Structures are given as structure tokens and as C-alpha cells.
Protein backbone atom coordinates (compact mmCIF):
# COMPACT_ATOMS: atom_id res chain seq x y z
CA UNK A 1 -183.53 -12.34 -71.09
CA UNK A 2 -185.35 -12.99 -67.81
CA UNK A 3 -183.17 -14.31 -65.00
CA UNK A 4 -184.81 -16.50 -62.38
CA UNK A 5 -182.81 -16.11 -59.18
CA UNK A 6 -184.99 -18.28 -56.91
CA UNK A 7 -187.33 -21.13 -57.77
CA UNK A 8 -189.10 -20.45 -54.46
CA UNK A 9 -189.46 -17.24 -52.49
CA UNK A 10 -186.35 -16.24 -50.52
CA UNK A 11 -186.49 -16.40 -46.75
CA UNK A 12 -188.36 -13.36 -45.44
CA UNK A 13 -185.22 -11.77 -44.02
CA UNK A 14 -182.91 -12.65 -46.91
CA UNK A 15 -180.91 -9.82 -48.48
CA UNK A 16 -182.95 -7.02 -49.99
CA UNK A 17 -181.14 -7.38 -53.32
CA UNK A 18 -180.41 -11.09 -53.77
CA UNK A 19 -182.38 -12.95 -51.09
CA UNK A 20 -179.37 -14.67 -49.52
CA UNK A 21 -179.38 -15.15 -45.75
CA UNK A 22 -177.17 -12.77 -43.75
CA UNK A 23 -174.97 -15.52 -42.29
CA UNK A 24 -174.07 -16.89 -45.74
CA UNK A 25 -174.02 -13.64 -47.70
CA UNK A 26 -170.58 -12.04 -47.76
CA UNK A 27 -169.91 -9.55 -50.57
CA UNK A 28 -172.15 -10.55 -53.49
CA UNK A 29 -172.91 -9.47 -57.03
CA UNK A 30 -176.27 -9.25 -58.77
CA UNK A 31 -176.76 -7.61 -62.12
CA UNK A 32 -179.54 -5.32 -60.88
CA UNK A 33 -177.51 -3.92 -57.96
CA UNK A 34 -173.87 -4.79 -58.60
CA UNK A 35 -171.53 -5.59 -55.71
CA UNK A 36 -173.27 -5.30 -52.37
CA UNK A 37 -173.21 -6.38 -48.75
CA UNK A 38 -176.25 -7.88 -47.06
CA UNK A 39 -179.00 -5.34 -46.64
CA UNK A 40 -182.24 -5.74 -44.69
CA UNK A 41 -185.23 -6.20 -46.98
CA UNK A 42 -187.99 -3.61 -46.96
CA UNK A 43 -191.11 -4.31 -44.93
CA UNK A 44 -193.02 -4.80 -48.20
CA UNK A 45 -190.46 -7.36 -49.38
CA UNK A 46 -190.68 -9.26 -46.09
CA UNK A 47 -194.48 -9.34 -46.29
CA UNK A 48 -194.46 -10.43 -49.96
CA UNK A 49 -191.93 -13.20 -49.28
CA UNK A 50 -193.97 -14.49 -46.34
CA UNK A 51 -197.13 -14.53 -48.43
CA UNK A 52 -195.40 -16.27 -51.35
CA UNK A 53 -193.96 -18.96 -49.09
CA UNK A 54 -197.34 -19.51 -47.41
CA UNK A 55 -199.06 -19.79 -50.81
CA UNK A 56 -196.45 -22.30 -51.98
CA UNK A 57 -197.07 -24.47 -48.90
CA UNK A 58 -200.84 -24.39 -49.50
CA UNK A 59 -200.37 -25.49 -53.12
CA UNK A 60 -197.86 -28.25 -52.42
CA UNK A 61 -194.76 -26.24 -53.32
CA UNK A 62 -191.59 -26.17 -51.27
CA UNK A 63 -190.08 -23.21 -49.49
């Protein structure tokens, strides 16, 4: 079963594992990682999120 966590790309600096912003994160659980604290996303994740959000804006999506 495929789980869709976000309908739009997470903010570029959202948690590496779940995409939640640092200020709202706390101690969270995701099936792929388990319990975790906020962790900085990789540079590749940041770049991919920025590109996805830009593409969504160009095509009328919301981010």
C-alpha cells in the first residue's frame, strides 16, 4: 500500500524524514524511519522540494 504523506511538496527545510517544519515537529513517528526528532534535509532533498514547489506554482498547484 502506497502512503501519500503530502499532497504538495514539503517546505524545503522540513524534516528530512517527514517534511514537518522544525518549530512544529517535536518527536514524531513515520513508518519508514520510526520515532525521530527533526533532522535537516539533505541538500538533494532541499533542491528537489524547491523544484517541486516551483513546478506546482507554474501549473496552478498550491504549495
